[in-house]
Amino acid sequence: MGPRLGYWLAETAFLFGFWLLFVDQFTLHELIVGAAAAALAATGTELVRGTEHPRFLPHWIWLAQAWRLPWRIVHDCGLLVRNLVRGGDGQLVSVPFETGESEARDTARRTLGILYTTLPPNTLVIGIDRQKNTMLLHVLEESS
């Protein structure tokens, strides 16, 4: 038995155990579905583990920018409630965003840009256009 099969079996057993804790039932159909779901999740994990991933090397200042997120989340929750009361649809907005190349720092910039923009509930990143150096956003309500 190779190490990858061992990891797969251990992860399947671990995830199946969580499934049983979550559903809190030992009926036949729950056992079958739980075992299949755990095996599928473990298979996906092992497939991803075997591939080469882009390097992620952020500047520490980019990580420190996360201190602003709690305030933005609270502020955007207010905007979200106001939007729900008014019944607005939101709009698509294209904003400039320096995408860089395929280097580790550029990957980190894009990843953190998407995370920091999408985490507050008012804005959702639809995609990044690397040729035009823009980020396409769906914004429920424009804010400063």
N, C-alpha and C. Protein backbone atom coordinates (compact mmCIF):
# COMPACT_ATOMS: atom_id res chain seq x y z
N MET A 1 0.86 -1.18 0.00
CA MET A 1 0.00 0.00 0.00
C MET A 1 0.90 1.23 0.00
N GLY A 2 0.72 2.10 -0.99
CA GLY A 2 1.52 3.31 -1.09
C GLY A 2 1.05 4.37 -0.11
N PRO A 3 1.86 5.40 0.09
CA PRO A 3 1.50 6.44 1.04
C PRO A 3 0.26 7.23 0.63
N ARG A 4 0.07 7.41 -0.68
CA ARG A 4 -1.13 8.17 -1.11
C ARG A 4 -2.41 7.41 -0.81
N LEU A 5 -2.38 6.08 -0.98
CA LEU A 5 -3.55 5.28 -0.64
C LEU A 5 -3.80 5.34 0.86
N GLY A 6 -2.74 5.32 1.63
CA GLY A 6 -2.89 5.43 3.09
C GLY A 6 -3.50 6.75 3.49
N TYR A 7 -3.03 7.86 2.88
CA TYR A 7 -3.62 9.17 3.15
C TYR A 7 -5.09 9.19 2.76
N TRP A 8 -5.39 8.59 1.60
CA TRP A 8 -6.77 8.57 1.13
C TRP A 8 -7.66 7.81 2.10
N LEU A 9 -7.22 6.66 2.56
CA LEU A 9 -8.02 5.87 3.51
C LEU A 9 -8.21 6.61 4.83
N ALA A 10 -7.13 7.22 5.33
CA ALA A 10 -7.22 7.95 6.60
C ALA A 10 -8.16 9.14 6.47
N GLU A 11 -8.05 9.86 5.38
CA GLU A 11 -8.91 11.02 5.18
C GLU A 11 -10.36 10.60 4.99
N THR A 12 -10.59 9.53 4.26
CA THR A 12 -11.95 9.03 4.08
C THR A 12 -12.56 8.66 5.43
N ALA A 13 -11.81 7.96 6.25
CA ALA A 13 -12.32 7.57 7.58
C ALA A 13 -12.59 8.80 8.44
N PHE A 14 -11.68 9.77 8.40
CA PHE A 14 -11.85 11.00 9.18
C PHE A 14 -13.10 11.77 8.74
N LEU A 15 -13.27 11.95 7.43
CA LEU A 15 -14.43 12.67 6.91
C LEU A 15 -15.73 11.91 7.16
N PHE A 16 -15.67 10.59 7.07
CA PHE A 16 -16.86 9.78 7.35
C PHE A 16 -17.26 9.93 8.82
N GLY A 17 -16.27 10.00 9.70
CA GLY A 17 -16.56 10.22 11.12
C GLY A 17 -17.25 11.56 11.34
N PHE A 18 -16.76 12.61 10.66
CA PHE A 18 -17.42 13.91 10.76
C PHE A 18 -18.84 13.86 10.21
N TRP A 19 -19.03 13.13 9.14
CA TRP A 19 -20.37 12.98 8.56
C TRP A 19 -21.31 12.38 9.59
N LEU A 20 -20.87 11.33 10.26
CA LEU A 20 -21.71 10.68 11.26
C LEU A 20 -22.02 11.61 12.42
N LEU A 21 -21.05 12.43 12.83
CA LEU A 21 -21.31 13.40 13.88
C LEU A 21 -22.30 14.46 13.42
N PHE A 22 -22.21 14.85 12.17
CA PHE A 22 -23.08 15.88 11.64
C PHE A 22 -24.52 15.41 11.52
N VAL A 23 -24.73 14.22 10.95
CA VAL A 23 -26.10 13.76 10.72
C VAL A 23 -26.72 13.13 11.96
N ASP A 24 -25.87 12.60 12.86
CA ASP A 24 -26.34 12.00 14.11
C ASP A 24 -27.38 10.91 13.88
N GLN A 25 -27.20 10.14 12.80
CA GLN A 25 -28.09 9.02 12.48
C GLN A 25 -27.25 7.87 11.96
N PHE A 26 -27.72 6.67 12.21
CA PHE A 26 -27.00 5.50 11.71
C PHE A 26 -27.91 4.66 10.81
N THR A 27 -28.74 5.34 10.02
CA THR A 27 -29.58 4.62 9.07
C THR A 27 -28.74 4.22 7.87
N LEU A 28 -29.20 3.19 7.16
CA LEU A 28 -28.43 2.65 6.05
C LEU A 28 -28.15 3.70 4.98
N HIS A 29 -29.16 4.47 4.61
CA HIS A 29 -28.93 5.45 3.54
C HIS A 29 -27.96 6.55 3.97
N GLU A 30 -27.96 6.94 5.24
CA GLU A 30 -26.99 7.93 5.72
C GLU A 30 -25.57 7.37 5.71
N LEU A 31 -25.43 6.10 6.04
CA LEU A 31 -24.12 5.47 6.02
C LEU A 31 -23.58 5.37 4.59
N ILE A 32 -24.45 5.03 3.65
CA ILE A 32 -24.03 4.90 2.25
C ILE A 32 -23.65 6.26 1.67
N VAL A 33 -24.52 7.24 1.87
CA VAL A 33 -24.26 8.59 1.34
C VAL A 33 -23.02 9.18 2.01
N GLY A 34 -22.87 8.99 3.31
CA GLY A 34 -21.71 9.51 4.03
C GLY A 34 -20.41 8.89 3.55
N ALA A 35 -20.42 7.59 3.34
CA ALA A 35 -19.21 6.91 2.85
C ALA A 35 -18.86 7.38 1.44
N ALA A 36 -19.87 7.55 0.59
CA ALA A 36 -19.61 8.01 -0.78
C ALA A 36 -19.10 9.45 -0.78
N ALA A 37 -19.70 10.31 0.03
CA ALA A 37 -19.27 11.70 0.09
C ALA A 37 -17.85 11.81 0.64
N ALA A 38 -17.53 11.04 1.66
CA ALA A 38 -16.19 11.06 2.24
C ALA A 38 -15.16 10.56 1.23
N ALA A 39 -15.49 9.50 0.52
CA ALA A 39 -14.57 8.97 -0.48
C ALA A 39 -14.36 9.96 -1.62
N LEU A 40 -15.44 10.62 -2.05
CA LEU A 40 -15.33 11.61 -3.12
C LEU A 40 -14.48 12.81 -2.67
N ALA A 41 -14.69 13.29 -1.46
CA ALA A 41 -13.90 14.42 -0.96
C ALA A 41 -12.44 14.03 -0.81
N ALA A 42 -12.16 12.84 -0.31
CA ALA A 42 -10.77 12.40 -0.16
C ALA A 42 -10.11 12.23 -1.53
N THR A 43 -10.87 11.76 -2.51
CA THR A 43 -10.32 11.62 -3.86
C THR A 43 -9.95 12.99 -4.42
N GLY A 44 -10.84 13.97 -4.25
CA GLY A 44 -10.55 15.32 -4.72
C GLY A 44 -9.32 15.89 -4.05
N THR A 45 -9.19 15.67 -2.76
CA THR A 45 -8.02 16.16 -2.04
C THR A 45 -6.74 15.53 -2.56
N GLU A 46 -6.76 14.22 -2.80
CA GLU A 46 -5.56 13.55 -3.30
C GLU A 46 -5.22 13.96 -4.73
N LEU A 47 -6.23 14.23 -5.54
CA LEU A 47 -5.97 14.72 -6.90
C LEU A 47 -5.30 16.09 -6.87
N VAL A 48 -5.78 16.96 -5.99
CA VAL A 48 -5.18 18.29 -5.88
C VAL A 48 -3.80 18.21 -5.26
N ARG A 49 -3.61 17.33 -4.29
CA ARG A 49 -2.31 17.21 -3.64
C ARG A 49 -1.22 16.81 -4.63
N GLY A 50 -1.56 16.11 -5.68
CA GLY A 50 -0.57 15.65 -6.64
C GLY A 50 -0.21 16.66 -7.71
N THR A 51 -0.84 17.83 -7.72
CA THR A 51 -0.56 18.82 -8.76
C THR A 51 0.35 19.91 -8.22
N GLU A 52 0.96 20.64 -9.14
CA GLU A 52 1.80 21.76 -8.75
C GLU A 52 0.92 22.99 -8.59
N HIS A 53 1.09 23.67 -7.49
CA HIS A 53 0.27 24.84 -7.19
C HIS A 53 1.07 26.11 -7.43
N PRO A 54 0.37 27.19 -7.76
CA PRO A 54 1.10 28.45 -7.88
C PRO A 54 1.62 28.89 -6.51
N ARG A 55 2.80 29.46 -6.53
CA ARG A 55 3.38 29.92 -5.27
C ARG A 55 2.65 31.17 -4.81
N PHE A 56 2.53 31.29 -3.50
CA PHE A 56 1.83 32.40 -2.86
C PHE A 56 2.83 33.10 -1.94
N LEU A 57 3.27 34.30 -2.31
CA LEU A 57 4.29 34.99 -1.54
C LEU A 57 3.88 36.46 -1.38
N PRO A 58 3.01 36.76 -0.40
CA PRO A 58 2.56 38.14 -0.23
C PRO A 58 3.57 38.99 0.54
N HIS A 59 3.51 40.29 0.33
CA HIS A 59 4.24 41.22 1.19
C HIS A 59 3.50 41.25 2.53
N TRP A 60 4.22 41.44 3.60
CA TRP A 60 3.58 41.44 4.92
C TRP A 60 2.59 42.60 5.04
N ILE A 61 2.82 43.69 4.32
CA ILE A 61 1.91 44.84 4.38
C ILE A 61 0.55 44.46 3.80
N TRP A 62 0.55 43.62 2.75
CA TRP A 62 -0.72 43.19 2.18
C TRP A 62 -1.52 42.40 3.20
N LEU A 63 -0.87 41.53 3.94
CA LEU A 63 -1.55 40.75 4.97
C LEU A 63 -2.05 41.65 6.10
N ALA A 64 -1.27 42.68 6.41
CA ALA A 64 -1.66 43.60 7.48
C ALA A 64 -2.90 44.41 7.11
N GLN A 65 -3.21 44.52 5.83
CA GLN A 65 -4.40 45.24 5.39
C GLN A 65 -5.69 44.60 5.89
N ALA A 66 -5.61 43.39 6.37
CA ALA A 66 -6.80 42.67 6.84
C ALA A 66 -7.43 43.34 8.06
N TRP A 67 -6.72 44.22 8.75
CA TRP A 67 -7.29 44.88 9.92
C TRP A 67 -8.52 45.71 9.54
N ARG A 68 -8.61 46.12 8.29
CA ARG A 68 -9.74 46.92 7.84
C ARG A 68 -11.01 46.10 7.60
N LEU A 69 -10.87 44.80 7.46
CA LEU A 69 -12.01 43.96 7.09
C LEU A 69 -13.17 43.98 8.08
N PRO A 70 -12.95 43.88 9.40
CA PRO A 70 -14.12 43.89 10.30
C PRO A 70 -15.00 45.13 10.13
N TRP A 71 -14.39 46.31 10.02
CA TRP A 71 -15.18 47.53 9.82
C TRP A 71 -15.91 47.48 8.48
N ARG A 72 -15.24 47.04 7.42
CA ARG A 72 -15.89 46.97 6.11
C ARG A 72 -17.05 45.99 6.13
N ILE A 73 -16.89 44.88 6.84
CA ILE A 73 -17.98 43.89 6.92
C ILE A 73 -19.18 44.50 7.62
N VAL A 74 -18.95 45.16 8.77
CA VAL A 74 -20.06 45.79 9.51
C VAL A 74 -20.71 46.87 8.65
N HIS A 75 -19.90 47.71 8.03
CA HIS A 75 -20.43 48.79 7.18
C HIS A 75 -21.25 48.22 6.02
N ASP A 76 -20.71 47.20 5.36
CA ASP A 76 -21.39 46.61 4.20
C ASP A 76 -22.65 45.86 4.60
N CYS A 77 -22.70 45.33 5.82
CA CYS A 77 -23.95 44.70 6.28
C CYS A 77 -25.06 45.74 6.35
N GLY A 78 -24.71 46.97 6.79
CA GLY A 78 -25.69 48.05 6.79
C GLY A 78 -26.14 48.39 5.39
N LEU A 79 -25.19 48.43 4.44
CA LEU A 79 -25.54 48.69 3.04
C LEU A 79 -26.42 47.57 2.49
N LEU A 80 -26.12 46.34 2.88
CA LEU A 80 -26.90 45.19 2.41
C LEU A 80 -28.33 45.26 2.92
N VAL A 81 -28.52 45.60 4.19
CA VAL A 81 -29.87 45.73 4.74
C VAL A 81 -30.61 46.85 4.03
N ARG A 82 -29.95 47.99 3.83
CA ARG A 82 -30.59 49.10 3.14
C ARG A 82 -30.97 48.71 1.71
N ASN A 83 -30.10 47.94 1.05
CA ASN A 83 -30.39 47.49 -0.31
C ASN A 83 -31.58 46.53 -0.32
N LEU A 84 -31.65 45.65 0.68
CA LEU A 84 -32.78 44.72 0.75
C LEU A 84 -34.10 45.45 0.96
N VAL A 85 -34.09 46.49 1.78
CA VAL A 85 -35.30 47.28 2.04
C VAL A 85 -35.72 48.02 0.78
N ARG A 86 -34.77 48.62 0.07
CA ARG A 86 -35.07 49.37 -1.15
C ARG A 86 -35.35 48.48 -2.34
N GLY A 87 -34.83 47.25 -2.32
CA GLY A 87 -35.06 46.33 -3.43
C GLY A 87 -34.17 46.59 -4.63
N GLY A 88 -32.97 47.05 -4.41
CA GLY A 88 -32.05 47.33 -5.52
C GLY A 88 -31.49 46.05 -6.12
N ASP A 89 -31.02 46.17 -7.37
CA ASP A 89 -30.45 45.02 -8.08
C ASP A 89 -28.94 45.01 -8.07
N GLY A 90 -28.33 46.14 -7.82
CA GLY A 90 -26.88 46.22 -7.91
C GLY A 90 -26.46 46.51 -9.34
N GLN A 91 -25.13 46.58 -9.51
CA GLN A 91 -24.61 46.89 -10.83
C GLN A 91 -23.23 46.29 -11.00
N LEU A 92 -22.82 46.15 -12.24
CA LEU A 92 -21.48 45.68 -12.55
C LEU A 92 -20.56 46.88 -12.70
N VAL A 93 -19.39 46.79 -12.09
CA VAL A 93 -18.43 47.89 -12.11
C VAL A 93 -17.07 47.31 -12.46
N SER A 94 -16.36 47.97 -13.35
CA SER A 94 -15.00 47.59 -13.69
C SER A 94 -14.05 48.59 -13.05
N VAL A 95 -13.11 48.08 -12.25
CA VAL A 95 -12.16 48.96 -11.56
C VAL A 95 -10.74 48.58 -11.97
N PRO A 96 -9.83 49.55 -12.01
CA PRO A 96 -8.43 49.23 -12.33
C PRO A 96 -7.83 48.34 -11.26
N PHE A 97 -7.04 47.37 -11.68
CA PHE A 97 -6.38 46.46 -10.75
C PHE A 97 -5.12 45.92 -11.41
N GLU A 98 -3.98 46.21 -10.84
CA GLU A 98 -2.70 45.76 -11.39
C GLU A 98 -2.59 44.25 -11.17
N THR A 99 -2.69 43.48 -12.25
CA THR A 99 -2.72 42.03 -12.13
C THR A 99 -1.34 41.39 -12.08
N GLY A 100 -0.37 42.00 -12.71
CA GLY A 100 0.97 41.44 -12.70
C GLY A 100 1.08 40.23 -13.63
N GLU A 101 2.11 39.44 -13.38
CA GLU A 101 2.40 38.25 -14.19
C GLU A 101 1.98 36.99 -13.44
N SER A 102 2.74 35.93 -13.62
CA SER A 102 2.46 34.66 -12.96
C SER A 102 3.44 34.38 -11.82
N GLU A 103 4.05 35.41 -11.28
CA GLU A 103 5.00 35.25 -10.19
C GLU A 103 4.25 35.08 -8.87
N ALA A 104 4.97 34.63 -7.85
CA ALA A 104 4.36 34.35 -6.55
C ALA A 104 3.75 35.60 -5.93
N ARG A 105 4.41 36.74 -6.04
CA ARG A 105 3.88 37.99 -5.47
C ARG A 105 2.61 38.43 -6.21
N ASP A 106 2.60 38.27 -7.53
CA ASP A 106 1.42 38.65 -8.31
C ASP A 106 0.24 37.74 -7.99
N THR A 107 0.50 36.45 -7.82
CA THR A 107 -0.56 35.52 -7.42
C THR A 107 -1.12 35.92 -6.07
N ALA A 108 -0.25 36.29 -5.14
CA ALA A 108 -0.70 36.71 -3.81
C ALA A 108 -1.52 37.99 -3.90
N ARG A 109 -1.08 38.95 -4.73
CA ARG A 109 -1.82 40.21 -4.89
C ARG A 109 -3.24 39.95 -5.41
N ARG A 110 -3.33 39.11 -6.43
CA ARG A 110 -4.66 38.81 -6.98
C ARG A 110 -5.53 38.08 -5.96
N THR A 111 -4.95 37.09 -5.29
CA THR A 111 -5.72 36.30 -4.32
C THR A 111 -6.23 37.17 -3.18
N LEU A 112 -5.34 37.98 -2.60
CA LEU A 112 -5.75 38.84 -1.50
C LEU A 112 -6.70 39.93 -1.97
N GLY A 113 -6.51 40.42 -3.20
CA GLY A 113 -7.44 41.41 -3.75
C GLY A 113 -8.85 40.85 -3.85
N ILE A 114 -8.96 39.62 -4.32
CA ILE A 114 -10.28 38.98 -4.42
C ILE A 114 -10.85 38.74 -3.03
N LEU A 115 -10.04 38.23 -2.11
CA LEU A 115 -10.52 37.95 -0.74
C LEU A 115 -10.98 39.22 -0.05
N TYR A 116 -10.15 40.25 -0.04
CA TYR A 116 -10.48 41.48 0.67
C TYR A 116 -11.66 42.21 0.04
N THR A 117 -11.88 42.04 -1.25
CA THR A 117 -12.99 42.71 -1.91
C THR A 117 -14.29 41.94 -1.75
N THR A 118 -14.22 40.61 -1.78
CA THR A 118 -15.44 39.79 -1.76
C THR A 118 -15.94 39.49 -0.35
N LEU A 119 -15.08 39.48 0.64
CA LEU A 119 -15.49 39.12 2.00
C LEU A 119 -16.59 40.04 2.55
N PRO A 120 -16.48 41.36 2.44
CA PRO A 120 -17.62 42.20 2.84
C PRO A 120 -18.80 41.95 1.90
N PRO A 121 -20.02 41.91 2.43
CA PRO A 121 -21.17 41.42 1.63
C PRO A 121 -21.68 42.34 0.54
N ASN A 122 -21.18 43.56 0.41
CA ASN A 122 -21.69 44.46 -0.61
C ASN A 122 -21.12 44.20 -1.99
N THR A 123 -19.94 43.60 -2.07
CA THR A 123 -19.23 43.49 -3.34
C THR A 123 -18.81 42.05 -3.60
N LEU A 124 -18.95 41.63 -4.84
CA LEU A 124 -18.53 40.29 -5.25
C LEU A 124 -17.64 40.43 -6.48
N VAL A 125 -16.45 39.83 -6.42
CA VAL A 125 -15.55 39.86 -7.57
C VAL A 125 -16.04 38.82 -8.58
N ILE A 126 -16.34 39.27 -9.78
CA ILE A 126 -16.77 38.38 -10.86
C ILE A 126 -15.56 37.79 -11.56
N GLY A 127 -14.54 38.61 -11.76
CA GLY A 127 -13.35 38.12 -12.44
C GLY A 127 -12.30 39.20 -12.59
N ILE A 128 -11.13 38.76 -13.02
CA ILE A 128 -10.02 39.67 -13.26
C ILE A 128 -9.61 39.52 -14.72
N ASP A 129 -9.51 40.64 -15.42
CA ASP A 129 -9.05 40.65 -16.80
C ASP A 129 -7.58 41.03 -16.78
N ARG A 130 -6.71 40.05 -17.03
CA ARG A 130 -5.27 40.28 -16.94
C ARG A 130 -4.75 41.08 -18.13
N GLN A 131 -5.44 41.08 -19.26
CA GLN A 131 -5.00 41.87 -20.40
C GLN A 131 -5.30 43.36 -20.18
N LYS A 132 -6.44 43.66 -19.60
CA LYS A 132 -6.85 45.05 -19.40
C LYS A 132 -6.48 45.58 -18.01
N ASN A 133 -5.94 44.72 -17.13
CA ASN A 133 -5.62 45.10 -15.76
C ASN A 133 -6.83 45.71 -15.05
N THR A 134 -7.95 44.97 -15.10
CA THR A 134 -9.16 45.41 -14.43
C THR A 134 -9.77 44.26 -13.63
N MET A 135 -10.58 44.64 -12.66
CA MET A 135 -11.34 43.68 -11.86
C MET A 135 -12.81 44.00 -12.06
N LEU A 136 -13.61 43.00 -12.44
CA LEU A 136 -15.04 43.19 -12.65
C LEU A 136 -15.75 42.83 -11.35
N LEU A 137 -16.56 43.77 -10.85
CA LEU A 137 -17.25 43.59 -9.58
C LEU A 137 -18.75 43.68 -9.77
N HIS A 138 -19.49 42.96 -8.92
CA HIS A 138 -20.92 43.19 -8.78
C HIS A 138 -21.10 43.90 -7.45
N VAL A 139 -21.63 45.11 -7.49
CA VAL A 139 -21.79 45.93 -6.29
C VAL A 139 -23.27 46.15 -6.07
N LEU A 140 -23.75 45.82 -4.86
CA LEU A 140 -25.17 46.06 -4.56
C LEU A 140 -25.46 47.55 -4.42
N GLU A 141 -24.61 48.24 -3.70
CA GLU A 141 -24.79 49.68 -3.51
C GLU A 141 -23.42 50.32 -3.46
N GLU A 142 -23.24 51.36 -4.26
CA GLU A 142 -21.93 52.03 -4.27
C GLU A 142 -21.71 52.73 -2.95
N SER A 143 -20.48 52.61 -2.47
CA SER A 143 -20.10 53.30 -1.23
C SER A 143 -18.77 53.97 -1.46
N SER A 144 -18.44 54.87 -0.59
CA SER A 144 -17.15 55.54 -0.71
C SER A 144 -16.08 54.57 -0.27
